[in-house]
Amino acid sequence: MRTRLIATVSLALLAGGVAMAGAQTPQPQPERRQRAERASFQARLGLSDAQMAELRRQRSVQRKETIRRRADLAIARMDLEEALEAPTVDEKLVSSRVRALTELQAAAVRARVDARLALRKVLTPEQLEKMKQLRHERGQNPRAAWRRGGRPGDPAGSPEADDPRAEDPAGPGR
């Protein structure tokens, strides 16, 4: 009797879940949306296929480097925290951990600058100006975002490498 009750309740829940899933409006497929955004970005800036391919290549390299850099930063922070939480604090060790952490942070800044410089080499001056204008229209001025207390590109992003929400000039696909 108890097994039959459990089976009936399970079947009812399953049927209800299927009905609810069918009633929901389907979400656009991310791949389609991303292709449309890339095509729109390409058209708005007048990017050639070669420029798009180079931007995609750069973004791929930048994303991989960012993942590695973030992992290294997380480990450096953990190492510093461990040094600070030790029963007896070794100030020389703490100093070396702080130095390592700041070097990694400086490398992240250099990488963002390098990414922006690389972008400038791919785009024409007119395309750069158009991109700046489009960002401004969408409220994505990185400097203004920092002044508001946000991150550059909130919510959609800017092309800087270390911002995971960054707008990818080659399109989304994050």
N, C-alpha and C. Protein backbone atom coordinates (compact mmCIF):
# COMPACT_ATOMS: atom_id res chain seq x y z
N MET A 1 0.82 -1.18 0.00
CA MET A 1 0.00 0.00 0.00
C MET A 1 0.87 1.26 0.00
N ARG A 2 1.86 1.25 0.85
CA ARG A 2 2.75 2.41 0.96
C ARG A 2 3.52 2.60 -0.34
N THR A 3 4.00 1.54 -0.95
CA THR A 3 4.73 1.61 -2.21
C THR A 3 3.85 2.18 -3.30
N ARG A 4 2.58 1.76 -3.32
CA ARG A 4 1.64 2.27 -4.32
C ARG A 4 1.42 3.76 -4.13
N LEU A 5 1.33 4.24 -2.89
CA LEU A 5 1.14 5.67 -2.60
C LEU A 5 2.36 6.47 -3.07
N ILE A 6 3.54 5.97 -2.79
CA ILE A 6 4.78 6.66 -3.20
C ILE A 6 4.84 6.71 -4.73
N ALA A 7 4.50 5.62 -5.39
CA ALA A 7 4.53 5.59 -6.85
C ALA A 7 3.53 6.59 -7.43
N THR A 8 2.33 6.67 -6.83
CA THR A 8 1.30 7.60 -7.31
C THR A 8 1.74 9.04 -7.13
N VAL A 9 2.30 9.37 -5.98
CA VAL A 9 2.77 10.73 -5.72
C VAL A 9 3.92 11.07 -6.67
N SER A 10 4.84 10.14 -6.88
CA SER A 10 5.96 10.38 -7.79
C SER A 10 5.46 10.63 -9.20
N LEU A 11 4.50 9.83 -9.64
CA LEU A 11 3.95 9.99 -10.98
C LEU A 11 3.25 11.34 -11.12
N ALA A 12 2.52 11.75 -10.09
CA ALA A 12 1.83 13.05 -10.12
C ALA A 12 2.83 14.20 -10.19
N LEU A 13 3.90 14.10 -9.41
CA LEU A 13 4.93 15.14 -9.45
C LEU A 13 5.61 15.20 -10.80
N LEU A 14 5.89 14.04 -11.37
CA LEU A 14 6.53 13.99 -12.68
C LEU A 14 5.62 14.60 -13.74
N ALA A 15 4.35 14.24 -13.72
CA ALA A 15 3.39 14.79 -14.69
C ALA A 15 3.26 16.29 -14.51
N GLY A 16 3.23 16.75 -13.29
CA GLY A 16 3.16 18.20 -13.03
C GLY A 16 4.39 18.93 -13.54
N GLY A 17 5.55 18.33 -13.35
CA GLY A 17 6.79 18.94 -13.84
C GLY A 17 6.82 19.02 -15.35
N VAL A 18 6.35 17.95 -16.01
CA VAL A 18 6.31 17.95 -17.47
C VAL A 18 5.34 19.02 -17.97
N ALA A 19 4.19 19.13 -17.32
CA ALA A 19 3.21 20.14 -17.72
C ALA A 19 3.76 21.55 -17.51
N MET A 20 4.45 21.77 -16.40
CA MET A 20 5.02 23.10 -16.14
C MET A 20 6.11 23.41 -17.16
N ALA A 21 6.93 22.44 -17.50
CA ALA A 21 8.00 22.67 -18.46
C ALA A 21 7.42 22.99 -19.83
N GLY A 22 6.35 22.33 -20.21
CA GLY A 22 5.71 22.61 -21.48
C GLY A 22 5.05 23.97 -21.53
N ALA A 23 4.61 24.47 -20.37
CA ALA A 23 3.92 25.76 -20.31
C ALA A 23 4.89 26.93 -20.38
N GLN A 24 6.15 26.71 -20.06
CA GLN A 24 7.12 27.79 -20.09
C GLN A 24 7.46 28.14 -21.53
N THR A 25 7.67 29.43 -21.76
CA THR A 25 8.08 29.84 -23.10
C THR A 25 9.53 29.46 -23.30
N PRO A 26 9.86 28.93 -24.45
CA PRO A 26 11.25 28.52 -24.69
C PRO A 26 12.17 29.73 -24.73
N GLN A 27 13.32 29.58 -24.12
CA GLN A 27 14.33 30.64 -24.12
C GLN A 27 15.10 30.57 -25.44
N PRO A 28 15.53 31.72 -25.95
CA PRO A 28 16.32 31.67 -27.18
C PRO A 28 17.60 30.87 -26.95
N GLN A 29 17.99 30.14 -27.94
CA GLN A 29 19.19 29.33 -27.82
C GLN A 29 20.40 30.24 -27.77
N PRO A 30 21.29 30.03 -26.80
CA PRO A 30 22.44 30.92 -26.66
C PRO A 30 23.27 31.03 -27.92
N GLU A 31 23.46 29.92 -28.63
CA GLU A 31 24.30 29.96 -29.83
C GLU A 31 23.71 30.88 -30.88
N ARG A 32 22.39 30.80 -31.07
CA ARG A 32 21.73 31.67 -32.05
C ARG A 32 21.85 33.13 -31.66
N ARG A 33 21.60 33.39 -30.38
CA ARG A 33 21.67 34.77 -29.89
C ARG A 33 23.08 35.31 -30.05
N GLN A 34 24.07 34.47 -29.73
CA GLN A 34 25.46 34.90 -29.84
C GLN A 34 25.85 35.17 -31.28
N ARG A 35 25.41 34.31 -32.19
CA ARG A 35 25.70 34.55 -33.61
C ARG A 35 25.07 35.85 -34.07
N ALA A 36 23.84 36.09 -33.64
CA ALA A 36 23.15 37.32 -34.03
C ALA A 36 23.86 38.55 -33.47
N GLU A 37 24.32 38.46 -32.21
CA GLU A 37 25.03 39.59 -31.61
C GLU A 37 26.35 39.84 -32.32
N ARG A 38 27.07 38.76 -32.67
CA ARG A 38 28.33 38.91 -33.39
C ARG A 38 28.11 39.56 -34.75
N ALA A 39 27.08 39.10 -35.45
CA ALA A 39 26.79 39.66 -36.78
C ALA A 39 26.39 41.12 -36.65
N SER A 40 25.62 41.44 -35.62
CA SER A 40 25.21 42.83 -35.40
C SER A 40 26.42 43.69 -35.07
N PHE A 41 27.29 43.20 -34.22
CA PHE A 41 28.50 43.93 -33.85
C PHE A 41 29.37 44.15 -35.08
N GLN A 42 29.52 43.10 -35.85
CA GLN A 42 30.35 43.17 -37.06
C GLN A 42 29.76 44.20 -38.03
N ALA A 43 28.46 44.19 -38.20
CA ALA A 43 27.82 45.12 -39.12
C ALA A 43 27.91 46.56 -38.62
N ARG A 44 27.65 46.77 -37.32
CA ARG A 44 27.67 48.13 -36.78
C ARG A 44 29.04 48.77 -36.89
N LEU A 45 30.08 47.97 -36.70
CA LEU A 45 31.43 48.53 -36.78
C LEU A 45 32.03 48.41 -38.18
N GLY A 46 31.36 47.67 -39.05
CA GLY A 46 31.90 47.47 -40.39
C GLY A 46 33.17 46.64 -40.38
N LEU A 47 33.19 45.59 -39.56
CA LEU A 47 34.37 44.74 -39.45
C LEU A 47 34.43 43.73 -40.60
N SER A 48 35.61 43.52 -41.11
CA SER A 48 35.80 42.50 -42.14
C SER A 48 35.85 41.13 -41.47
N ASP A 49 35.73 40.10 -42.28
CA ASP A 49 35.83 38.74 -41.74
C ASP A 49 37.21 38.50 -41.13
N ALA A 50 38.24 39.06 -41.75
CA ALA A 50 39.60 38.90 -41.22
C ALA A 50 39.72 39.58 -39.85
N GLN A 51 39.13 40.76 -39.70
CA GLN A 51 39.16 41.45 -38.40
C GLN A 51 38.42 40.62 -37.35
N MET A 52 37.26 40.09 -37.71
CA MET A 52 36.50 39.28 -36.76
C MET A 52 37.30 38.05 -36.34
N ALA A 53 37.95 37.41 -37.30
CA ALA A 53 38.74 36.22 -36.98
C ALA A 53 39.88 36.58 -36.03
N GLU A 54 40.54 37.70 -36.27
CA GLU A 54 41.64 38.12 -35.40
C GLU A 54 41.13 38.48 -34.01
N LEU A 55 39.99 39.14 -33.93
CA LEU A 55 39.42 39.48 -32.62
C LEU A 55 39.03 38.23 -31.86
N ARG A 56 38.47 37.25 -32.54
CA ARG A 56 38.13 35.98 -31.89
C ARG A 56 39.40 35.29 -31.37
N ARG A 57 40.45 35.28 -32.19
CA ARG A 57 41.70 34.65 -31.79
C ARG A 57 42.27 35.35 -30.55
N GLN A 58 42.31 36.69 -30.60
CA GLN A 58 42.82 37.46 -29.45
C GLN A 58 42.01 37.17 -28.20
N ARG A 59 40.70 37.17 -28.34
CA ARG A 59 39.83 36.94 -27.18
C ARG A 59 40.05 35.56 -26.58
N SER A 60 40.25 34.57 -27.42
CA SER A 60 40.49 33.21 -26.94
C SER A 60 41.77 33.16 -26.12
N VAL A 61 42.83 33.75 -26.66
CA VAL A 61 44.11 33.78 -25.95
C VAL A 61 43.96 34.54 -24.63
N GLN A 62 43.27 35.69 -24.67
CA GLN A 62 43.10 36.50 -23.46
C GLN A 62 42.31 35.76 -22.39
N ARG A 63 41.26 35.05 -22.81
CA ARG A 63 40.44 34.32 -21.83
C ARG A 63 41.25 33.23 -21.15
N LYS A 64 42.07 32.50 -21.92
CA LYS A 64 42.90 31.45 -21.33
C LYS A 64 43.90 32.04 -20.34
N GLU A 65 44.54 33.13 -20.74
CA GLU A 65 45.51 33.78 -19.84
C GLU A 65 44.82 34.30 -18.59
N THR A 66 43.62 34.82 -18.74
CA THR A 66 42.87 35.34 -17.60
C THR A 66 42.55 34.23 -16.61
N ILE A 67 42.15 33.09 -17.11
CA ILE A 67 41.84 31.95 -16.23
C ILE A 67 43.08 31.57 -15.43
N ARG A 68 44.22 31.48 -16.11
CA ARG A 68 45.46 31.12 -15.42
C ARG A 68 45.84 32.19 -14.39
N ARG A 69 45.72 33.45 -14.79
CA ARG A 69 46.10 34.55 -13.90
C ARG A 69 45.20 34.59 -12.66
N ARG A 70 43.92 34.38 -12.85
CA ARG A 70 42.99 34.37 -11.70
C ARG A 70 43.29 33.22 -10.75
N ALA A 71 43.62 32.08 -11.30
CA ALA A 71 43.98 30.95 -10.45
C ALA A 71 45.24 31.27 -9.65
N ASP A 72 46.23 31.84 -10.32
CA ASP A 72 47.47 32.23 -9.63
C ASP A 72 47.19 33.27 -8.54
N LEU A 73 46.31 34.23 -8.84
CA LEU A 73 45.96 35.24 -7.84
C LEU A 73 45.26 34.61 -6.64
N ALA A 74 44.36 33.70 -6.90
CA ALA A 74 43.65 33.04 -5.80
C ALA A 74 44.62 32.27 -4.91
N ILE A 75 45.56 31.58 -5.53
CA ILE A 75 46.56 30.83 -4.76
C ILE A 75 47.44 31.78 -3.96
N ALA A 76 47.84 32.89 -4.59
CA ALA A 76 48.69 33.87 -3.88
C ALA A 76 47.94 34.45 -2.68
N ARG A 77 46.65 34.71 -2.84
CA ARG A 77 45.85 35.22 -1.71
C ARG A 77 45.76 34.19 -0.60
N MET A 78 45.57 32.93 -0.98
CA MET A 78 45.52 31.85 0.02
C MET A 78 46.85 31.74 0.76
N ASP A 79 47.95 31.82 0.01
CA ASP A 79 49.28 31.74 0.63
C ASP A 79 49.49 32.89 1.61
N LEU A 80 49.07 34.08 1.22
CA LEU A 80 49.21 35.24 2.11
C LEU A 80 48.36 35.04 3.36
N GLU A 81 47.14 34.59 3.16
CA GLU A 81 46.25 34.38 4.31
C GLU A 81 46.83 33.34 5.26
N GLU A 82 47.38 32.27 4.71
CA GLU A 82 47.99 31.24 5.55
C GLU A 82 49.18 31.80 6.33
N ALA A 83 49.97 32.64 5.68
CA ALA A 83 51.13 33.24 6.36
C ALA A 83 50.66 34.15 7.49
N LEU A 84 49.56 34.87 7.26
CA LEU A 84 49.05 35.79 8.28
C LEU A 84 48.36 35.05 9.43
N GLU A 85 47.82 33.87 9.16
CA GLU A 85 47.09 33.12 10.18
C GLU A 85 47.97 32.12 10.93
N ALA A 86 49.23 32.04 10.58
CA ALA A 86 50.13 31.09 11.26
C ALA A 86 50.25 31.45 12.74
N PRO A 87 50.47 30.45 13.58
CA PRO A 87 50.59 30.73 15.03
C PRO A 87 51.67 31.77 15.33
N THR A 88 52.78 31.70 14.63
CA THR A 88 53.80 32.73 14.74
C THR A 88 54.01 33.31 13.35
N VAL A 89 53.77 34.60 13.21
CA VAL A 89 53.83 35.26 11.91
C VAL A 89 55.28 35.57 11.54
N ASP A 90 55.68 35.10 10.39
CA ASP A 90 57.00 35.38 9.84
C ASP A 90 56.83 36.59 8.91
N GLU A 91 57.28 37.74 9.36
CA GLU A 91 57.07 38.97 8.61
C GLU A 91 57.77 38.96 7.26
N LYS A 92 58.91 38.30 7.17
CA LYS A 92 59.60 38.20 5.88
C LYS A 92 58.77 37.37 4.90
N LEU A 93 58.18 36.29 5.39
CA LEU A 93 57.32 35.46 4.55
C LEU A 93 56.09 36.25 4.10
N VAL A 94 55.48 36.98 5.03
CA VAL A 94 54.32 37.80 4.69
C VAL A 94 54.70 38.83 3.63
N SER A 95 55.85 39.47 3.80
CA SER A 95 56.30 40.46 2.81
C SER A 95 56.51 39.84 1.45
N SER A 96 57.09 38.66 1.41
CA SER A 96 57.31 38.01 0.12
C SER A 96 55.98 37.61 -0.52
N ARG A 97 55.01 37.19 0.29
CA ARG A 97 53.68 36.82 -0.23
C ARG A 97 52.95 38.07 -0.75
N VAL A 98 53.10 39.18 -0.05
CA VAL A 98 52.50 40.44 -0.52
C VAL A 98 53.14 40.85 -1.83
N ARG A 99 54.44 40.75 -1.91
CA ARG A 99 55.17 41.11 -3.13
C ARG A 99 54.70 40.23 -4.31
N ALA A 100 54.57 38.94 -4.08
CA ALA A 100 54.11 38.02 -5.13
C ALA A 100 52.70 38.38 -5.59
N LEU A 101 51.84 38.70 -4.62
CA LEU A 101 50.47 39.07 -4.96
C LEU A 101 50.42 40.36 -5.77
N THR A 102 51.19 41.36 -5.37
CA THR A 102 51.17 42.63 -6.11
C THR A 102 51.77 42.47 -7.51
N GLU A 103 52.74 41.59 -7.66
CA GLU A 103 53.29 41.34 -9.00
C GLU A 103 52.24 40.70 -9.91
N LEU A 104 51.46 39.79 -9.36
CA LEU A 104 50.39 39.17 -10.14
C LEU A 104 49.30 40.19 -10.50
N GLN A 105 48.98 41.07 -9.55
CA GLN A 105 47.99 42.12 -9.83
C GLN A 105 48.49 43.07 -10.91
N ALA A 106 49.78 43.41 -10.85
CA ALA A 106 50.37 44.28 -11.88
C ALA A 106 50.33 43.58 -13.24
N ALA A 107 50.56 42.28 -13.26
CA ALA A 107 50.51 41.53 -14.52
C ALA A 107 49.10 41.56 -15.10
N ALA A 108 48.08 41.53 -14.24
CA ALA A 108 46.70 41.61 -14.72
C ALA A 108 46.43 42.97 -15.36
N VAL A 109 46.94 44.03 -14.76
CA VAL A 109 46.77 45.37 -15.33
C VAL A 109 47.49 45.45 -16.68
N ARG A 110 48.70 44.93 -16.71
CA ARG A 110 49.46 44.93 -17.98
C ARG A 110 48.71 44.15 -19.06
N ALA A 111 48.11 43.05 -18.70
CA ALA A 111 47.37 42.24 -19.67
C ALA A 111 46.16 42.99 -20.22
N ARG A 112 45.45 43.73 -19.35
CA ARG A 112 44.31 44.53 -19.81
C ARG A 112 44.76 45.62 -20.77
N VAL A 113 45.88 46.26 -20.44
CA VAL A 113 46.42 47.31 -21.31
C VAL A 113 46.86 46.69 -22.64
N ASP A 114 47.54 45.57 -22.58
CA ASP A 114 47.98 44.90 -23.80
C ASP A 114 46.79 44.51 -24.68
N ALA A 115 45.70 44.06 -24.06
CA ALA A 115 44.51 43.68 -24.82
C ALA A 115 43.91 44.90 -25.53
N ARG A 116 43.88 46.02 -24.84
CA ARG A 116 43.35 47.23 -25.48
C ARG A 116 44.25 47.70 -26.61
N LEU A 117 45.56 47.60 -26.42
CA LEU A 117 46.49 47.98 -27.48
C LEU A 117 46.35 47.04 -28.69
N ALA A 118 46.18 45.75 -28.42
CA ALA A 118 46.01 44.79 -29.51
C ALA A 118 44.72 45.07 -30.28
N LEU A 119 43.68 45.45 -29.57
CA LEU A 119 42.41 45.80 -30.22
C LEU A 119 42.60 47.00 -31.14
N ARG A 120 43.35 47.97 -30.68
CA ARG A 120 43.60 49.17 -31.49
C ARG A 120 44.35 48.84 -32.77
N LYS A 121 45.17 47.80 -32.75
CA LYS A 121 45.93 47.41 -33.94
C LYS A 121 45.03 46.74 -34.99
N VAL A 122 43.92 46.17 -34.55
CA VAL A 122 43.03 45.46 -35.46
C VAL A 122 42.00 46.41 -36.08
N LEU A 123 41.49 47.34 -35.28
CA LEU A 123 40.43 48.24 -35.74
C LEU A 123 41.01 49.50 -36.38
N THR A 124 40.27 50.05 -37.31
CA THR A 124 40.65 51.32 -37.91
C THR A 124 40.28 52.44 -36.94
N PRO A 125 40.83 53.65 -37.11
CA PRO A 125 40.43 54.75 -36.23
C PRO A 125 38.92 55.01 -36.26
N GLU A 126 38.31 54.85 -37.42
CA GLU A 126 36.86 55.06 -37.53
C GLU A 126 36.10 53.99 -36.72
N GLN A 127 36.56 52.76 -36.80
CA GLN A 127 35.92 51.68 -36.06
C GLN A 127 36.09 51.87 -34.55
N LEU A 128 37.27 52.33 -34.15
CA LEU A 128 37.50 52.60 -32.73
C LEU A 128 36.55 53.69 -32.24
N GLU A 129 36.40 54.72 -33.02
CA GLU A 129 35.50 55.81 -32.65
C GLU A 129 34.06 55.32 -32.57
N LYS A 130 33.65 54.52 -33.53
CA LYS A 130 32.29 53.97 -33.55
C LYS A 130 32.08 53.07 -32.33
N MET A 131 33.07 52.26 -31.97
CA MET A 131 32.95 51.40 -30.80
C MET A 131 32.81 52.23 -29.53
N LYS A 132 33.58 53.30 -29.44
CA LYS A 132 33.49 54.19 -28.30
C LYS A 132 32.08 54.80 -28.21
N GLN A 133 31.56 55.20 -29.35
CA GLN A 133 30.21 55.79 -29.41
C GLN A 133 29.16 54.75 -29.01
N LEU A 134 29.27 53.55 -29.51
CA LEU A 134 28.31 52.50 -29.17
C LEU A 134 28.34 52.18 -27.68
N ARG A 135 29.54 52.13 -27.13
CA ARG A 135 29.68 51.89 -25.68
C ARG A 135 29.01 52.98 -24.89
N HIS A 136 29.24 54.21 -25.31
CA HIS A 136 28.66 55.35 -24.61
C HIS A 136 27.13 55.28 -24.67
N GLU A 137 26.59 54.94 -25.83
CA GLU A 137 25.14 54.83 -25.99
C GLU A 137 24.57 53.74 -25.08
N ARG A 138 25.32 52.68 -24.89
CA ARG A 138 24.85 51.58 -24.04
C ARG A 138 25.23 51.79 -22.58
N GLY A 139 25.83 52.92 -22.26
CA GLY A 139 26.20 53.20 -20.87
C GLY A 139 27.34 52.35 -20.38
N GLN A 140 28.28 52.03 -21.26
CA GLN A 140 29.38 51.15 -20.88
C GLN A 140 30.71 51.89 -20.88
N ASN A 141 30.72 53.11 -20.45
CA ASN A 141 31.98 53.84 -20.36
C ASN A 141 32.72 53.31 -19.14
N PRO A 142 33.86 52.62 -19.34
CA PRO A 142 34.55 52.00 -18.20
C PRO A 142 34.91 53.00 -17.10
N ARG A 143 35.35 54.19 -17.47
CA ARG A 143 35.72 55.16 -16.43
C ARG A 143 34.51 55.57 -15.62
N ALA A 144 33.38 55.78 -16.27
CA ALA A 144 32.16 56.16 -15.56
C ALA A 144 31.70 55.03 -14.64
N ALA A 145 31.86 53.79 -15.09
CA ALA A 145 31.45 52.65 -14.26
C ALA A 145 32.26 52.62 -12.96
N TRP A 146 33.57 52.88 -13.06
CA TRP A 146 34.40 52.89 -11.85
C TRP A 146 33.96 54.01 -10.92
N ARG A 147 33.63 55.16 -11.47
CA ARG A 147 33.19 56.28 -10.62
C ARG A 147 31.88 55.96 -9.92
N ARG A 148 31.02 55.17 -10.58
CA ARG A 148 29.74 54.80 -9.96
C ARG A 148 29.93 53.70 -8.93
N GLY A 149 31.14 53.16 -8.85
CA GLY A 149 31.39 52.10 -7.89
C GLY A 149 31.20 50.72 -8.48
N GLY A 150 30.94 50.65 -9.78
CA GLY A 150 30.75 49.36 -10.44
C GLY A 150 32.03 48.92 -11.11
N ARG A 151 31.91 47.89 -11.91
CA ARG A 151 33.04 47.41 -12.70
C ARG A 151 32.83 47.87 -14.12
N PRO A 152 33.89 48.06 -14.85
CA PRO A 152 33.72 48.44 -16.25
C PRO A 152 32.87 47.41 -16.97
N GLY A 153 31.93 47.92 -17.72
CA GLY A 153 31.12 47.03 -18.52
C GLY A 153 29.91 46.46 -17.83
N ASP A 154 29.66 46.79 -16.57
CA ASP A 154 28.45 46.29 -15.95
C ASP A 154 27.26 46.83 -16.72
N PRO A 155 26.31 46.04 -17.11
CA PRO A 155 26.26 44.61 -16.95
C PRO A 155 26.89 43.84 -18.09
N ALA A 156 27.02 44.43 -19.27
CA ALA A 156 27.45 43.66 -20.43
C ALA A 156 28.96 43.61 -20.57
N GLY A 157 29.64 44.68 -20.28
CA GLY A 157 31.09 44.62 -20.27
C GLY A 157 31.80 45.44 -21.31
N SER A 158 33.10 45.49 -21.14
CA SER A 158 33.99 46.16 -22.07
C SER A 158 34.98 45.12 -22.55
N PRO A 159 35.80 45.40 -23.53
CA PRO A 159 36.66 44.36 -24.07
C PRO A 159 37.89 44.05 -23.25
N GLU A 160 37.93 44.47 -22.00
CA GLU A 160 39.13 44.20 -21.22
C GLU A 160 39.19 42.74 -20.83
N ALA A 161 40.37 42.21 -20.86
CA ALA A 161 40.56 40.77 -20.73
C ALA A 161 40.18 40.21 -19.37
N ASP A 162 40.39 40.93 -18.29
CA ASP A 162 40.17 40.35 -16.98
C ASP A 162 38.75 40.50 -16.47
N ASP A 163 37.86 41.05 -17.27
CA ASP A 163 36.48 41.18 -16.85
C ASP A 163 35.69 40.05 -17.49
N PRO A 164 35.22 39.07 -16.69
CA PRO A 164 34.54 37.93 -17.27
C PRO A 164 33.26 38.30 -17.98
N ARG A 165 32.70 39.43 -17.65
CA ARG A 165 31.48 39.87 -18.30
C ARG A 165 31.78 40.74 -19.49
N ALA A 166 33.04 40.79 -19.87
CA ALA A 166 33.46 41.70 -20.93
C ALA A 166 32.77 41.44 -22.25
N GLU A 167 32.43 42.53 -22.94
CA GLU A 167 31.88 42.39 -24.28
C GLU A 167 33.00 41.94 -25.18
N ASP A 168 32.76 40.88 -25.85
CA ASP A 168 33.77 40.31 -26.74
C ASP A 168 33.60 40.94 -28.11
N PRO A 169 34.60 41.68 -28.60
CA PRO A 169 34.46 42.26 -29.92
C PRO A 169 34.19 41.22 -30.98
N ALA A 170 34.60 40.00 -30.75
CA ALA A 170 34.32 38.93 -31.68
C ALA A 170 32.97 38.31 -31.39
N GLY A 171 32.29 38.81 -30.41
CA GLY A 171 30.97 38.33 -30.06
C GLY A 171 31.02 37.61 -28.72
N PRO A 172 29.84 37.31 -28.15
CA PRO A 172 29.81 36.60 -26.87
C PRO A 172 30.42 35.21 -27.03
N GLY A 173 29.98 34.26 -26.40
CA GLY A 173 30.61 32.95 -26.51
C GLY A 173 31.44 32.69 -25.29
N ARG A 174 31.14 33.35 -24.26
CA ARG A 174 31.84 33.16 -23.00
C ARG A 174 31.38 31.88 -22.39
